[in-house]
Amino acid sequence: MTQDYLAFFGLFAPRAAAIDVTVWHKHNPLLPVRLTDGANLNPSGQIWRRFHLGEWEYKQDPETLDDYQARQY
């Protein structure tokens, strides 16, 4: 029974710092985001993000020739 109370008070203990998720994963933002390389966003091209050193980083796949041609019509 004492362990139950200790577990309850553990909920209020200081938490560890945010965990870095260094794996890039697909992201579909609703608002424009700032890319890590400072480039402008392309209308096509998948946006990727990861949580690194306490903040989100974004990058975008380069636009392929097929993507460009499909966007023209």
C-alpha atoms as a PDB file:
ATOM      1  CA  MET A   1       0.000   0.000   0.000  1.00  0.00           C
ATOM      2  CA  THR A   2       2.868   2.368   0.740  1.00  0.00           C
ATOM      3  CA  GLN A   3       4.192   1.822  -2.768  1.00  0.00           C
ATOM      4  CA  ASP A   4       0.922   3.081  -4.200  1.00  0.00           C
ATOM      5  CA  TYR A   5       1.322   6.373  -2.338  1.00  0.00           C
ATOM      6  CA  LEU A   6       4.939   6.714  -3.458  1.00  0.00           C
ATOM      7  CA  ALA A   7       3.894   6.147  -7.066  1.00  0.00           C
ATOM      8  CA  PHE A   8       1.233   8.849  -6.687  1.00  0.00           C
ATOM      9  CA  PHE A   9       3.758  11.390  -5.403  1.00  0.00           C
ATOM     10  CA  GLY A  10       6.099  10.426  -8.236  1.00  0.00           C
ATOM     11  CA  LEU A  11       3.619  12.060 -10.599  1.00  0.00           C
ATOM     12  CA  PHE A  12       4.607  15.454  -9.197  1.00  0.00           C
ATOM     13  CA  ALA A  13       8.364  14.904  -9.371  1.00  0.00           C
ATOM     14  CA  PRO A  14      10.375  16.984 -11.829  1.00  0.00           C
ATOM     15  CA  ARG A  15      10.304  15.507 -15.299  1.00  0.00           C
ATOM     16  CA  ALA A  16      13.312  14.758 -17.441  1.00  0.00           C
ATOM     17  CA  ALA A  17      14.069  17.166 -20.258  1.00  0.00           C
ATOM     18  CA  ALA A  18      12.312  16.585 -23.558  1.00  0.00           C
ATOM     19  CA  ILE A  19      13.562  13.512 -25.356  1.00  0.00           C
ATOM     20  CA  ASP A  20      15.232  14.072 -28.717  1.00  0.00           C
ATOM     21  CA  VAL A  21      13.537  12.261 -31.578  1.00  0.00           C
ATOM     22  CA  THR A  22      16.311  12.252 -34.125  1.00  0.00           C
ATOM     23  CA  VAL A  23      14.381  10.204 -36.671  1.00  0.00           C
ATOM     24  CA  TRP A  24      12.893  12.268 -39.481  1.00  0.00           C
ATOM     25  CA  HIS A  25       9.194  11.626 -40.089  1.00  0.00           C
ATOM     26  CA  LYS A  26       6.647  12.999 -42.551  1.00  0.00           C
ATOM     27  CA  HIS A  27       4.770  16.113 -41.534  1.00  0.00           C
ATOM     28  CA  ASN A  28       1.886  17.996 -43.150  1.00  0.00           C
ATOM     29  CA  PRO A  29       1.920  21.501 -41.644  1.00  0.00           C
ATOM     30  CA  LEU A  30      -1.120  23.757 -41.722  1.00  0.00           C
ATOM     31  CA  LEU A  31       1.026  26.890 -41.523  1.00  0.00           C
ATOM     32  CA  PRO A  32       4.327  27.633 -43.291  1.00  0.00           C
ATOM     33  CA  VAL A  33       7.392  26.392 -41.432  1.00  0.00           C
ATOM     34  CA  ARG A  34      11.038  27.505 -41.484  1.00  0.00           C
ATOM     35  CA  LEU A  35      13.332  24.951 -43.087  1.00  0.00           C
ATOM     36  CA  THR A  36      16.695  24.143 -41.499  1.00  0.00           C
ATOM     37  CA  ASP A  37      18.598  25.196 -44.623  1.00  0.00           C
ATOM     38  CA  GLY A  38      16.689  28.491 -44.909  1.00  0.00           C
ATOM     39  CA  ALA A  39      15.256  27.680 -48.352  1.00  0.00           C
ATOM     40  CA  ASN A  40      11.769  28.684 -49.422  1.00  0.00           C
ATOM     41  CA  LEU A  41       9.000  26.105 -49.340  1.00  0.00           C
ATOM     42  CA  ASN A  42       8.124  24.500 -52.678  1.00  0.00           C
ATOM     43  CA  PRO A  43       4.457  23.925 -53.479  1.00  0.00           C
ATOM     44  CA  SER A  44       5.245  20.243 -53.889  1.00  0.00           C
ATOM     45  CA  GLY A  45       7.724  18.063 -52.096  1.00  0.00           C
ATOM     46  CA  GLN A  46       7.256  16.232 -48.820  1.00  0.00           C
ATOM     47  CA  ILE A  47       8.098  18.063 -45.580  1.00  0.00           C
ATOM     48  CA  TRP A  48       9.949  16.112 -42.896  1.00  0.00           C
ATOM     49  CA  ARG A  49      10.495  17.031 -39.261  1.00  0.00           C
ATOM     50  CA  ARG A  50      12.375  15.848 -36.165  1.00  0.00           C
ATOM     51  CA  PHE A  51      12.680  17.013 -32.572  1.00  0.00           C
ATOM     52  CA  HIS A  52      16.333  17.827 -31.964  1.00  0.00           C
ATOM     53  CA  LEU A  53      17.924  19.721 -29.052  1.00  0.00           C
ATOM     54  CA  GLY A  54      14.592  20.921 -27.740  1.00  0.00           C
ATOM     55  CA  GLU A  55      13.069  22.261 -30.948  1.00  0.00           C
ATOM     56  CA  TRP A  56      11.503  21.014 -34.152  1.00  0.00           C
ATOM     57  CA  GLU A  57      13.606  21.000 -37.332  1.00  0.00           C
ATOM     58  CA  TYR A  58      12.034  20.856 -40.783  1.00  0.00           C
ATOM     59  CA  LYS A  59      13.399  19.886 -44.179  1.00  0.00           C
ATOM     60  CA  GLN A  60      11.804  19.301 -47.567  1.00  0.00           C
ATOM     61  CA  ASP A  61      12.473  16.767 -50.277  1.00  0.00           C
ATOM     62  CA  PRO A  62      13.629  18.375 -53.500  1.00  0.00           C
ATOM     63  CA  GLU A  63      11.057  18.702 -56.223  1.00  0.00           C
ATOM     64  CA  THR A  64      11.498  16.086 -58.954  1.00  0.00           C
ATOM     65  CA  LEU A  65      10.961  16.717 -62.672  1.00  0.00           C
ATOM     66  CA  ASP A  66       7.738  14.687 -62.520  1.00  0.00           C
ATOM     67  CA  ASP A  67       6.476  16.849 -59.646  1.00  0.00           C
ATOM     68  CA  TYR A  68       7.274  20.018 -61.611  1.00  0.00           C
ATOM     69  CA  GLN A  69       5.524  18.797 -64.746  1.00  0.00           C
ATOM     70  CA  ALA A  70       2.462  17.683 -62.792  1.00  0.00           C
ATOM     71  CA  ARG A  71       2.239  21.106 -61.155  1.00  0.00           C
ATOM     72  CA  GLN A  72       2.184  22.861 -64.537  1.00  0.00           C
ATOM     73  CA  TYR A  73      -1.299  21.540 -65.432  1.00  0.00           C
END
